[in-house]
Amino acid sequence: MIGWLQFERVWLRTLIDVILPGPIDVRPEFWAELERASPPLLRIGLRIDAWLLGSWVGLLSVQRRELYLDALSRSRFYLPRQLVFTAKLVACFARSSQETDDAHRHFGSIEGS
């Protein structure tokens, strides 16, 4: 299993910021866990997302990024729609991971209970 390359994480992070604006603290552990827990097809899809969507979105102005993803999500072709869906899935995983980490910091671990 090959870990995420730095530029792939940057590209995926750019997608996450477009999909879920606001402060999301995506720590390195998130990428390691995503790589470890994801089935092979999802890992392949995420890499394709990073290369095809993330690299292009990063070149656009901030105002055009959301319009670009919206247009792709309404494409008549399956692949662009699926790439946007997969990027949204990762963004939700990242948000959920942050909220879980925040809850652990605030309330403590329940494992010792």
PDB file of N, CA and C in Angstrom:
ATOM      1  N   MET A   1       0.849  -1.168   0.000  1.00  0.00           N
ATOM      2  CA  MET A   1       0.000   0.000   0.000  1.00  0.00           C
ATOM      3  C   MET A   1       0.902   1.240   0.000  1.00  0.00           C
ATOM      4  N   ILE A   2       0.708   2.101  -0.949  1.00  0.00           N
ATOM      5  CA  ILE A   2       1.479   3.340  -1.056  1.00  0.00           C
ATOM      6  C   ILE A   2       0.730   4.443  -0.326  1.00  0.00           C
ATOM      7  N   GLY A   3       1.425   5.142   0.563  1.00  0.00           N
ATOM      8  CA  GLY A   3       0.792   6.245   1.290  1.00  0.00           C
ATOM      9  C   GLY A   3       0.523   7.421   0.364  1.00  0.00           C
ATOM     10  N   TRP A   4      -0.245   8.363   0.898  1.00  0.00           N
ATOM     11  CA  TRP A   4      -0.560   9.566   0.124  1.00  0.00           C
ATOM     12  C   TRP A   4       0.683  10.413  -0.055  1.00  0.00           C
ATOM     13  N   LEU A   5       0.900  10.859  -1.263  1.00  0.00           N
ATOM     14  CA  LEU A   5       1.982  11.795  -1.525  1.00  0.00           C
ATOM     15  C   LEU A   5       1.543  13.179  -1.049  1.00  0.00           C
ATOM     16  N   GLN A   6       2.506  14.004  -0.699  1.00  0.00           N
ATOM     17  CA  GLN A   6       2.197  15.324  -0.144  1.00  0.00           C
ATOM     18  C   GLN A   6       1.299  16.139  -1.078  1.00  0.00           C
ATOM     19  N   PHE A   7       1.634  16.163  -2.369  1.00  0.00           N
ATOM     20  CA  PHE A   7       0.825  16.974  -3.292  1.00  0.00           C
ATOM     21  C   PHE A   7      -0.572  16.393  -3.475  1.00  0.00           C
ATOM     22  N   GLU A   8      -0.733  15.066  -3.333  1.00  0.00           N
ATOM     23  CA  GLU A   8      -2.072  14.485  -3.403  1.00  0.00           C
ATOM     24  C   GLU A   8      -2.913  14.934  -2.209  1.00  0.00           C
ATOM     25  N   ARG A   9      -2.296  14.987  -1.034  1.00  0.00           N
ATOM     26  CA  ARG A   9      -3.012  15.477   0.153  1.00  0.00           C
ATOM     27  C   ARG A   9      -3.391  16.942  -0.017  1.00  0.00           C
ATOM     28  N   VAL A  10      -2.500  17.735  -0.614  1.00  0.00           N
ATOM     29  CA  VAL A  10      -2.802  19.155  -0.850  1.00  0.00           C
ATOM     30  C   VAL A  10      -3.969  19.278  -1.819  1.00  0.00           C
ATOM     31  N   TRP A  11      -3.956  18.495  -2.895  1.00  0.00           N
ATOM     32  CA  TRP A  11      -5.045  18.556  -3.868  1.00  0.00           C
ATOM     33  C   TRP A  11      -6.368  18.122  -3.242  1.00  0.00           C
ATOM     34  N   LEU A  12      -6.347  17.025  -2.474  1.00  0.00           N
ATOM     35  CA  LEU A  12      -7.579  16.580  -1.831  1.00  0.00           C
ATOM     36  C   LEU A  12      -8.035  17.578  -0.781  1.00  0.00           C
ATOM     37  N   ARG A  13      -7.099  18.188  -0.091  1.00  0.00           N
ATOM     38  CA  ARG A  13      -7.448  19.211   0.898  1.00  0.00           C
ATOM     39  C   ARG A  13      -8.126  20.403   0.217  1.00  0.00           C
ATOM     40  N   THR A  14      -7.651  20.761  -0.966  1.00  0.00           N
ATOM     41  CA  THR A  14      -8.279  21.846  -1.729  1.00  0.00           C
ATOM     42  C   THR A  14      -9.732  21.490  -2.038  1.00  0.00           C
ATOM     43  N   LEU A  15      -9.975  20.241  -2.441  1.00  0.00           N
ATOM     44  CA  LEU A  15     -11.348  19.801  -2.710  1.00  0.00           C
ATOM     45  C   LEU A  15     -12.206  19.862  -1.453  1.00  0.00           C
ATOM     46  N   ILE A  16     -11.643  19.414  -0.338  1.00  0.00           N
ATOM     47  CA  ILE A  16     -12.386  19.443   0.925  1.00  0.00           C
ATOM     48  C   ILE A  16     -12.779  20.877   1.268  1.00  0.00           C
ATOM     49  N   ASP A  17     -11.857  21.817   1.082  1.00  0.00           N
ATOM     50  CA  ASP A  17     -12.148  23.216   1.401  1.00  0.00           C
ATOM     51  C   ASP A  17     -13.237  23.807   0.511  1.00  0.00           C
ATOM     52  N   VAL A  18     -13.313  23.349  -0.736  1.00  0.00           N
ATOM     53  CA  VAL A  18     -14.363  23.846  -1.638  1.00  0.00           C
ATOM     54  C   VAL A  18     -15.717  23.240  -1.255  1.00  0.00           C
ATOM     55  N   ILE A  19     -15.712  21.963  -0.936  1.00  0.00           N
ATOM     56  CA  ILE A  19     -16.962  21.262  -0.660  1.00  0.00           C
ATOM     57  C   ILE A  19     -17.539  21.658   0.698  1.00  0.00           C
ATOM     58  N   LEU A  20     -16.683  21.743   1.709  1.00  0.00           N
ATOM     59  CA  LEU A  20     -17.123  22.093   3.063  1.00  0.00           C
ATOM     60  C   LEU A  20     -16.338  23.304   3.542  1.00  0.00           C
ATOM     61  N   PRO A  21     -16.748  24.494   3.153  1.00  0.00           N
ATOM     62  CA  PRO A  21     -16.009  25.671   3.592  1.00  0.00           C
ATOM     63  C   PRO A  21     -16.066  25.808   5.106  1.00  0.00           C
ATOM     64  N   GLY A  22     -15.044  26.352   5.645  1.00  0.00           N
ATOM     65  CA  GLY A  22     -14.960  26.519   7.092  1.00  0.00           C
ATOM     66  C   GLY A  22     -13.729  25.815   7.612  1.00  0.00           C
ATOM     67  N   PRO A  23     -13.427  26.041   8.855  1.00  0.00           N
ATOM     68  CA  PRO A  23     -12.207  25.463   9.408  1.00  0.00           C
ATOM     69  C   PRO A  23     -12.342  23.961   9.663  1.00  0.00           C
ATOM     70  N   ILE A  24     -11.604  23.181   8.928  1.00  0.00           N
ATOM     71  CA  ILE A  24     -11.525  21.741   9.144  1.00  0.00           C
ATOM     72  C   ILE A  24     -10.056  21.414   9.340  1.00  0.00           C
ATOM     73  N   ASP A  25      -9.733  20.851  10.482  1.00  0.00           N
ATOM     74  CA  ASP A  25      -8.357  20.491  10.801  1.00  0.00           C
ATOM     75  C   ASP A  25      -8.119  19.056  10.342  1.00  0.00           C
ATOM     76  N   VAL A  26      -7.531  18.896   9.157  1.00  0.00           N
ATOM     77  CA  VAL A  26      -7.260  17.568   8.627  1.00  0.00           C
ATOM     78  C   VAL A  26      -5.829  17.209   9.004  1.00  0.00           C
ATOM     79  N   ARG A  27      -5.705  16.356  10.011  1.00  0.00           N
ATOM     80  CA  ARG A  27      -4.382  15.968  10.499  1.00  0.00           C
ATOM     81  C   ARG A  27      -3.812  14.818   9.685  1.00  0.00           C
ATOM     82  N   PRO A  28      -2.501  14.625   9.712  1.00  0.00           N
ATOM     83  CA  PRO A  28      -1.881  13.522   8.959  1.00  0.00           C
ATOM     84  C   PRO A  28      -2.461  12.149   9.310  1.00  0.00           C
ATOM     85  N   GLU A  29      -2.902  11.975  10.550  1.00  0.00           N
ATOM     86  CA  GLU A  29      -3.479  10.689  10.954  1.00  0.00           C
ATOM     87  C   GLU A  29      -4.729  10.359  10.147  1.00  0.00           C
ATOM     88  N   PHE A  30      -5.455  11.408   9.731  1.00  0.00           N
ATOM     89  CA  PHE A  30      -6.659  11.186   8.927  1.00  0.00           C
ATOM     90  C   PHE A  30      -6.294  10.497   7.618  1.00  0.00           C
ATOM     91  N   TRP A  31      -5.245  10.986   6.950  1.00  0.00           N
ATOM     92  CA  TRP A  31      -4.854  10.404   5.664  1.00  0.00           C
ATOM     93  C   TRP A  31      -4.373   8.971   5.829  1.00  0.00           C
ATOM     94  N   ALA A  32      -3.633   8.706   6.899  1.00  0.00           N
ATOM     95  CA  ALA A  32      -3.156   7.344   7.155  1.00  0.00           C
ATOM     96  C   ALA A  32      -4.328   6.402   7.416  1.00  0.00           C
ATOM     97  N   GLU A  33      -5.289   6.852   8.213  1.00  0.00           N
ATOM     98  CA  GLU A  33      -6.459   6.034   8.510  1.00  0.00           C
ATOM     99  C   GLU A  33      -7.314   5.827   7.261  1.00  0.00           C
ATOM    100  N   LEU A  34      -7.458   6.856   6.463  1.00  0.00           N
ATOM    101  CA  LEU A  34      -8.227   6.739   5.219  1.00  0.00           C
ATOM    102  C   LEU A  34      -7.583   5.714   4.288  1.00  0.00           C
ATOM    103  N   GLU A  35      -6.282   5.760   4.187  1.00  0.00           N
ATOM    104  CA  GLU A  35      -5.543   4.805   3.341  1.00  0.00           C
ATOM    105  C   GLU A  35      -5.702   3.385   3.884  1.00  0.00           C
ATOM    106  N   ARG A  36      -5.615   3.231   5.200  1.00  0.00           N
ATOM    107  CA  ARG A  36      -5.670   1.910   5.809  1.00  0.00           C
ATOM    108  C   ARG A  36      -7.078   1.309   5.748  1.00  0.00           C
ATOM    109  N   ALA A  37      -8.090   2.110   6.006  1.00  0.00           N
ATOM    110  CA  ALA A  37      -9.452   1.595   6.152  1.00  0.00           C
ATOM    111  C   ALA A  37     -10.248   1.529   4.849  1.00  0.00           C
ATOM    112  N   SER A  38      -9.797   2.212   3.813  1.00  0.00           N
ATOM    113  CA  SER A  38     -10.564   2.268   2.564  1.00  0.00           C
ATOM    114  C   SER A  38     -10.388   0.997   1.745  1.00  0.00           C
ATOM    115  N   PRO A  39     -11.466   0.526   1.125  1.00  0.00           N
ATOM    116  CA  PRO A  39     -11.334  -0.599   0.205  1.00  0.00           C
ATOM    117  C   PRO A  39     -10.534  -0.165  -1.033  1.00  0.00           C
ATOM    118  N   PRO A  40      -9.952  -1.129  -1.730  1.00  0.00           N
ATOM    119  CA  PRO A  40      -9.086  -0.794  -2.866  1.00  0.00           C
ATOM    120  C   PRO A  40      -9.719   0.119  -3.916  1.00  0.00           C
ATOM    121  N   LEU A  41     -10.979  -0.120  -4.267  1.00  0.00           N
ATOM    122  CA  LEU A  41     -11.608   0.717  -5.295  1.00  0.00           C
ATOM    123  C   LEU A  41     -11.767   2.162  -4.836  1.00  0.00           C
ATOM    124  N   LEU A  42     -12.049   2.374  -3.551  1.00  0.00           N
ATOM    125  CA  LEU A  42     -12.153   3.737  -3.040  1.00  0.00           C
ATOM    126  C   LEU A  42     -10.783   4.417  -3.065  1.00  0.00           C
ATOM    127  N   ARG A  43      -9.729   3.691  -2.695  1.00  0.00           N
ATOM    128  CA  ARG A  43      -8.381   4.271  -2.745  1.00  0.00           C
ATOM    129  C   ARG A  43      -8.009   4.686  -4.167  1.00  0.00           C
ATOM    130  N   ILE A  44      -8.352   3.844  -5.129  1.00  0.00           N
ATOM    131  CA  ILE A  44      -8.081   4.182  -6.529  1.00  0.00           C
ATOM    132  C   ILE A  44      -8.886   5.417  -6.930  1.00  0.00           C
ATOM    133  N   GLY A  45     -10.163   5.436  -6.548  1.00  0.00           N
ATOM    134  CA  GLY A  45     -11.015   6.583  -6.870  1.00  0.00           C
ATOM    135  C   GLY A  45     -10.499   7.872  -6.248  1.00  0.00           C
ATOM    136  N   LEU A  46      -9.992   7.797  -5.022  1.00  0.00           N
ATOM    137  CA  LEU A  46      -9.457   8.988  -4.366  1.00  0.00           C
ATOM    138  C   LEU A  46      -8.209   9.503  -5.066  1.00  0.00           C
ATOM    139  N   ARG A  47      -7.377   8.578  -5.522  1.00  0.00           N
ATOM    140  CA  ARG A  47      -6.187   9.005  -6.258  1.00  0.00           C
ATOM    141  C   ARG A  47      -6.591   9.670  -7.588  1.00  0.00           C
ATOM    142  N   ILE A  48      -7.571   9.105  -8.253  1.00  0.00           N
ATOM    143  CA  ILE A  48      -8.061   9.713  -9.498  1.00  0.00           C
ATOM    144  C   ILE A  48      -8.660  11.083  -9.196  1.00  0.00           C
ATOM    145  N   ASP A  49      -9.410  11.175  -8.095  1.00  0.00           N
ATOM    146  CA  ASP A  49      -9.951  12.462  -7.664  1.00  0.00           C
ATOM    147  C   ASP A  49      -8.839  13.492  -7.486  1.00  0.00           C
ATOM    148  N   ALA A  50      -7.812  13.087  -6.771  1.00  0.00           N
ATOM    149  CA  ALA A  50      -6.710  14.019  -6.510  1.00  0.00           C
ATOM    150  C   ALA A  50      -6.084  14.493  -7.817  1.00  0.00           C
ATOM    151  N   TRP A  51      -5.823  13.566  -8.712  1.00  0.00           N
ATOM    152  CA  TRP A  51      -5.130  13.921  -9.950  1.00  0.00           C
ATOM    153  C   TRP A  51      -6.023  14.671 -10.932  1.00  0.00           C
ATOM    154  N   LEU A  52      -7.271  14.243 -11.092  1.00  0.00           N
ATOM    155  CA  LEU A  52      -8.136  14.869 -12.096  1.00  0.00           C
ATOM    156  C   LEU A  52      -8.883  16.096 -11.587  1.00  0.00           C
ATOM    157  N   LEU A  53      -9.403  16.011 -10.361  1.00  0.00           N
ATOM    158  CA  LEU A  53     -10.164  17.147  -9.839  1.00  0.00           C
ATOM    159  C   LEU A  53      -9.308  18.094  -9.028  1.00  0.00           C
ATOM    160  N   GLY A  54      -8.603  17.552  -8.057  1.00  0.00           N
ATOM    161  CA  GLY A  54      -7.843  18.393  -7.138  1.00  0.00           C
ATOM    162  C   GLY A  54      -6.797  19.255  -7.811  1.00  0.00           C
ATOM    163  N   SER A  55      -6.097  18.657  -8.772  1.00  0.00           N
ATOM    164  CA  SER A  55      -5.059  19.429  -9.451  1.00  0.00           C
ATOM    165  C   SER A  55      -5.659  20.575 -10.269  1.00  0.00           C
ATOM    166  N   TRP A  56      -6.822  20.351 -10.877  1.00  0.00           N
ATOM    167  CA  TRP A  56      -7.466  21.400 -11.676  1.00  0.00           C
ATOM    168  C   TRP A  56      -8.131  22.453 -10.808  1.00  0.00           C
ATOM    169  N   VAL A  57      -8.784  22.014  -9.747  1.00  0.00           N
ATOM    170  CA  VAL A  57      -9.465  22.961  -8.866  1.00  0.00           C
ATOM    171  C   VAL A  57      -8.464  23.934  -8.264  1.00  0.00           C
ATOM    172  N   GLY A  58      -7.280  23.436  -7.947  1.00  0.00           N
ATOM    173  CA  GLY A  58      -6.250  24.294  -7.380  1.00  0.00           C
ATOM    174  C   GLY A  58      -5.794  25.395  -8.321  1.00  0.00           C
ATOM    175  N   LEU A  59      -5.986  25.215  -9.607  1.00  0.00           N
ATOM    176  CA  LEU A  59      -5.583  26.227 -10.589  1.00  0.00           C
ATOM    177  C   LEU A  59      -6.635  27.318 -10.781  1.00  0.00           C
ATOM    178  N   LEU A  60      -7.851  27.050 -10.345  1.00  0.00           N
ATOM    179  CA  LEU A  60      -8.942  28.004 -10.549  1.00  0.00           C
ATOM    180  C   LEU A  60      -8.966  29.052  -9.441  1.00  0.00           C
ATOM    181  N   SER A  61      -9.585  30.160  -9.738  1.00  0.00           N
ATOM    182  CA  SER A  61      -9.784  31.175  -8.702  1.00  0.00           C
ATOM    183  C   SER A  61     -10.773  30.628  -7.680  1.00  0.00           C
ATOM    184  N   VAL A  62     -10.738  31.160  -6.496  1.00  0.00           N
ATOM    185  CA  VAL A  62     -11.612  30.682  -5.417  1.00  0.00           C
ATOM    186  C   VAL A  62     -13.077  30.786  -5.833  1.00  0.00           C
ATOM    187  N   GLN A  63     -13.448  31.845  -6.543  1.00  0.00           N
ATOM    188  CA  GLN A  63     -14.832  32.043  -6.951  1.00  0.00           C
ATOM    189  C   GLN A  63     -15.284  30.990  -7.967  1.00  0.00           C
ATOM    190  N   ARG A  64     -14.380  30.483  -8.784  1.00  0.00           N
ATOM    191  CA  ARG A  64     -14.761  29.546  -9.846  1.00  0.00           C
ATOM    192  C   ARG A  64     -14.723  28.083  -9.407  1.00  0.00           C
ATOM    193  N   ARG A  65     -14.079  27.796  -8.295  1.00  0.00           N
ATOM    194  CA  ARG A  65     -13.926  26.404  -7.858  1.00  0.00           C
ATOM    195  C   ARG A  65     -15.273  25.727  -7.607  1.00  0.00           C
ATOM    196  N   GLU A  66     -16.142  26.391  -6.882  1.00  0.00           N
ATOM    197  CA  GLU A  66     -17.447  25.812  -6.577  1.00  0.00           C
ATOM    198  C   GLU A  66     -18.286  25.643  -7.848  1.00  0.00           C
ATOM    199  N   LEU A  67     -18.217  26.609  -8.748  1.00  0.00           N
ATOM    200  CA  LEU A  67     -18.945  26.503 -10.016  1.00  0.00           C
ATOM    201  C   LEU A  67     -18.455  25.311 -10.840  1.00  0.00           C
ATOM    202  N   TYR A  68     -17.141  25.092 -10.830  1.00  0.00           N
ATOM    203  CA  TYR A  68     -16.542  23.973 -11.558  1.00  0.00           C
ATOM    204  C   TYR A  68     -17.055  22.638 -11.022  1.00  0.00           C
ATOM    205  N   LEU A  69     -17.023  22.475  -9.701  1.00  0.00           N
ATOM    206  CA  LEU A  69     -17.494  21.224  -9.117  1.00  0.00           C
ATOM    207  C   LEU A  69     -18.989  21.038  -9.328  1.00  0.00           C
ATOM    208  N   ASP A  70     -19.748  22.117  -9.257  1.00  0.00           N
ATOM    209  CA  ASP A  70     -21.185  22.036  -9.493  1.00  0.00           C
ATOM    210  C   ASP A  70     -21.472  21.590 -10.929  1.00  0.00           C
ATOM    211  N   ALA A  71     -20.744  22.159 -11.877  1.00  0.00           N
ATOM    212  CA  ALA A  71     -20.937  21.769 -13.282  1.00  0.00           C
ATOM    213  C   ALA A  71     -20.572  20.304 -13.497  1.00  0.00           C
ATOM    214  N   LEU A  72     -19.488  19.849 -12.877  1.00  0.00           N
ATOM    215  CA  LEU A  72     -19.101  18.446 -13.021  1.00  0.00           C
ATOM    216  C   LEU A  72     -20.125  17.508 -12.387  1.00  0.00           C
ATOM    217  N   SER A  73     -20.706  17.928 -11.273  1.00  0.00           N
ATOM    218  CA  SER A  73     -21.688  17.064 -10.598  1.00  0.00           C
ATOM    219  C   SER A  73     -22.968  16.918 -11.415  1.00  0.00           C
ATOM    220  N   ARG A  74     -23.204  17.823 -12.370  1.00  0.00           N
ATOM    221  CA  ARG A  74     -24.384  17.751 -13.235  1.00  0.00           C
ATOM    222  C   ARG A  74     -24.060  17.247 -14.634  1.00  0.00           C
ATOM    223  N   SER A  75     -22.837  16.746 -14.814  1.00  0.00           N
ATOM    224  CA  SER A  75     -22.407  16.255 -16.123  1.00  0.00           C
ATOM    225  C   SER A  75     -23.299  15.098 -16.581  1.00  0.00           C
ATOM    226  N   ARG A  76     -23.433  14.963 -17.869  1.00  0.00           N
ATOM    227  CA  ARG A  76     -24.204  13.837 -18.390  1.00  0.00           C
ATOM    228  C   ARG A  76     -23.374  12.551 -18.383  1.00  0.00           C
ATOM    229  N   PHE A  77     -22.079  12.686 -18.102  1.00  0.00           N
ATOM    230  CA  PHE A  77     -21.188  11.530 -18.051  1.00  0.00           C
ATOM    231  C   PHE A  77     -21.017  11.046 -16.615  1.00  0.00           C
ATOM    232  N   TYR A  78     -20.896   9.749 -16.472  1.00  0.00           N
ATOM    233  CA  TYR A  78     -20.814   9.131 -15.150  1.00  0.00           C
ATOM    234  C   TYR A  78     -19.543   9.513 -14.394  1.00  0.00           C
ATOM    235  N   LEU A  79     -18.383   9.440 -15.025  1.00  0.00           N
ATOM    236  CA  LEU A  79     -17.112   9.632 -14.325  1.00  0.00           C
ATOM    237  C   LEU A  79     -17.006  10.979 -13.606  1.00  0.00           C
ATOM    238  N   PRO A  80     -17.289  12.106 -14.256  1.00  0.00           N
ATOM    239  CA  PRO A  80     -17.201  13.376 -13.517  1.00  0.00           C
ATOM    240  C   PRO A  80     -18.147  13.438 -12.320  1.00  0.00           C
ATOM    241  N   ARG A  81     -19.370  12.926 -12.495  1.00  0.00           N
ATOM    242  CA  ARG A  81     -20.316  12.929 -11.368  1.00  0.00           C
ATOM    243  C   ARG A  81     -19.796  12.068 -10.221  1.00  0.00           C
ATOM    244  N   GLN A  82     -19.236  10.907 -10.556  1.00  0.00           N
ATOM    245  CA  GLN A  82     -18.735  10.009  -9.525  1.00  0.00           C
ATOM    246  C   GLN A  82     -17.507  10.590  -8.834  1.00  0.00           C
ATOM    247  N   LEU A  83     -16.666  11.295  -9.559  1.00  0.00           N
ATOM    248  CA  LEU A  83     -15.491  11.919  -8.946  1.00  0.00           C
ATOM    249  C   LEU A  83     -15.902  12.979  -7.923  1.00  0.00           C
ATOM    250  N   VAL A  84     -16.904  13.767  -8.270  1.00  0.00           N
ATOM    251  CA  VAL A  84     -17.381  14.788  -7.329  1.00  0.00           C
ATOM    252  C   VAL A  84     -18.014  14.105  -6.112  1.00  0.00           C
ATOM    253  N   PHE A  85     -18.790  13.062  -6.340  1.00  0.00           N
ATOM    254  CA  PHE A  85     -19.401  12.332  -5.227  1.00  0.00           C
ATOM    255  C   PHE A  85     -18.330  11.775  -4.291  1.00  0.00           C
ATOM    256  N   THR A  86     -17.283  11.192  -4.843  1.00  0.00           N
ATOM    257  CA  THR A  86     -16.207  10.623  -4.031  1.00  0.00           C
ATOM    258  C   THR A  86     -15.492  11.710  -3.243  1.00  0.00           C
ATOM    259  N   ALA A  87     -15.280  12.861  -3.857  1.00  0.00           N
ATOM    260  CA  ALA A  87     -14.651  13.983  -3.148  1.00  0.00           C
ATOM    261  C   ALA A  87     -15.542  14.453  -1.997  1.00  0.00           C
ATOM    262  N   LYS A  88     -16.848  14.477  -2.210  1.00  0.00           N
ATOM    263  CA  LYS A  88     -17.774  14.866  -1.137  1.00  0.00           C
ATOM    264  C   LYS A  88     -17.746  13.849  -0.004  1.00  0.00           C
ATOM    265  N   LEU A  89     -17.614  12.589  -0.348  1.00  0.00           N
ATOM    266  CA  LEU A  89     -17.527  11.540   0.656  1.00  0.00           C
ATOM    267  C   LEU A  89     -16.296  11.742   1.545  1.00  0.00           C
ATOM    268  N   VAL A  90     -15.151  12.021   0.934  1.00  0.00           N
ATOM    269  CA  VAL A  90     -13.927  12.253   1.702  1.00  0.00           C
ATOM    270  C   VAL A  90     -14.064  13.504   2.570  1.00  0.00           C
ATOM    271  N   ALA A  91     -14.703  14.537   2.041  1.00  0.00           N
ATOM    272  CA  ALA A  91     -14.901  15.757   2.826  1.00  0.00           C
ATOM    273  C   ALA A  91     -15.742  15.452   4.067  1.00  0.00           C
ATOM    274  N   CYS A  92     -16.764  14.634   3.913  1.00  0.00           N
ATOM    275  CA  CYS A  92     -17.590  14.260   5.072  1.00  0.00           C
ATOM    276  C   CYS A  92     -16.791  13.413   6.053  1.00  0.00           C
ATOM    277  N   PHE A  93     -15.961  12.509   5.557  1.00  0.00           N
ATOM    278  CA  PHE A  93     -15.087  11.733   6.442  1.00  0.00           C
ATOM    279  C   PHE A  93     -14.157  12.656   7.223  1.00  0.00           C
ATOM    280  N   ALA A  94     -13.606  13.652   6.543  1.00  0.00           N
ATOM    281  CA  ALA A  94     -12.674  14.583   7.206  1.00  0.00           C
ATOM    282  C   ALA A  94     -13.401  15.363   8.296  1.00  0.00           C
ATOM    283  N   ARG A  95     -14.600  15.849   8.000  1.00  0.00           N
ATOM    284  CA  ARG A  95     -15.379  16.591   8.994  1.00  0.00           C
ATOM    285  C   ARG A  95     -15.732  15.693  10.166  1.00  0.00           C
ATOM    286  N   SER A  96     -16.162  14.478   9.882  1.00  0.00           N
ATOM    287  CA  SER A  96     -16.516  13.542  10.939  1.00  0.00           C
ATOM    288  C   SER A  96     -15.308  13.206  11.805  1.00  0.00           C
ATOM    289  N   SER A  97     -14.162  13.041  11.185  1.00  0.00           N
ATOM    290  CA  SER A  97     -12.930  12.758  11.921  1.00  0.00           C
ATOM    291  C   SER A  97     -12.585  13.902  12.860  1.00  0.00           C
ATOM    292  N   GLN A  98     -12.741  15.125  12.379  1.00  0.00           N
ATOM    293  CA  GLN A  98     -12.451  16.291  13.216  1.00  0.00           C
ATOM    294  C   GLN A  98     -13.417  16.358  14.388  1.00  0.00           C
ATOM    295  N   GLU A  99     -14.686  16.133  14.137  1.00  0.00           N
ATOM    296  CA  GLU A  99     -15.682  16.202  15.208  1.00  0.00           C
ATOM    297  C   GLU A  99     -15.442  15.119  16.252  1.00  0.00           C
ATOM    298  N   THR A 100     -15.032  13.924  15.817  1.00  0.00           N
ATOM    299  CA  THR A 100     -14.715  12.853  16.755  1.00  0.00           C
ATOM    300  C   THR A 100     -13.516  13.231  17.603  1.00  0.00           C
ATOM    301  N   ASP A 101     -12.472  13.779  16.965  1.00  0.00           N
ATOM    302  CA  ASP A 101     -11.286  14.212  17.706  1.00  0.00           C
ATOM    303  C   ASP A 101     -11.633  15.322  18.689  1.00  0.00           C
ATOM    304  N   ASP A 102     -12.476  16.261  18.278  1.00  0.00           N
ATOM    305  CA  ASP A 102     -12.887  17.351  19.168  1.00  0.00           C
ATOM    306  C   ASP A 102     -13.654  16.810  20.370  1.00  0.00           C
ATOM    307  N   ALA A 103     -14.532  15.837  20.141  1.00  0.00           N
ATOM    308  CA  ALA A 103     -15.305  15.257  21.236  1.00  0.00           C
ATOM    309  C   ALA A 103     -14.390  14.517  22.217  1.00  0.00           C
ATOM    310  N   HIS A 104     -13.398  13.813  21.684  1.00  0.00           N
ATOM    311  CA  HIS A 104     -12.461  13.110  22.559  1.00  0.00           C
ATOM    312  C   HIS A 104     -11.674  14.097  23.415  1.00  0.00           C
ATOM    313  N   ARG A 105     -11.275  15.211  22.823  1.00  0.00           N
ATOM    314  CA  ARG A 105     -10.533  16.215  23.588  1.00  0.00           C
ATOM    315  C   ARG A 105     -11.430  16.855  24.647  1.00  0.00           C
ATOM    316  N   HIS A 106     -12.675  17.093  24.320  1.00  0.00           N
ATOM    317  CA  HIS A 106     -13.581  17.780  25.233  1.00  0.00           C
ATOM    318  C   HIS A 106     -14.080  16.859  26.347  1.00  0.00           C
ATOM    319  N   PHE A 107     -14.527  15.662  25.977  1.00  0.00           N
ATOM    320  CA  PHE A 107     -15.150  14.774  26.947  1.00  0.00           C
ATOM    321  C   PHE A 107     -14.226  13.682  27.450  1.00  0.00           C
ATOM    322  N   GLY A 108     -13.112  13.475  26.781  1.00  0.00           N
ATOM    323  CA  GLY A 108     -12.205  12.389  27.160  1.00  0.00           C
ATOM    324  C   GLY A 108     -12.638  11.087  26.508  1.00  0.00           C
ATOM    325  N   SER A 109     -11.786  10.122  26.603  1.00  0.00           N
ATOM    326  CA  SER A 109     -12.053   8.816  26.004  1.00  0.00           C
ATOM    327  C   SER A 109     -13.020   8.029  26.876  1.00  0.00           C
ATOM    328  N   ILE A 110     -13.917   7.286  26.259  1.00  0.00           N
ATOM    329  CA  ILE A 110     -14.856   6.477  27.013  1.00  0.00           C
ATOM    330  C   ILE A 110     -14.333   5.053  27.197  1.00  0.00           C
ATOM    331  N   GLU A 111     -13.159   4.742  26.631  1.00  0.00           N
ATOM    332  CA  GLU A 111     -12.617   3.395  26.726  1.00  0.00           C
ATOM    333  C   GLU A 111     -12.304   3.013  28.162  1.00  0.00           C
ATOM    334  N   GLY A 112     -11.881   3.979  28.979  1.00  0.00           N
ATOM    335  CA  GLY A 112     -11.515   3.694  30.356  1.00  0.00           C
ATOM    336  C   GLY A 112     -12.710   3.557  31.283  1.00  0.00           C
ATOM    337  N   SER A 113     -13.909   3.842  30.793  1.00  0.00           N
ATOM    338  CA  SER A 113     -15.110   3.809  31.647  1.00  0.00           C
ATOM    339  C   SER A 113     -15.541   2.404  31.943  1.00  0.00           C
TER     340      SER A 113
END
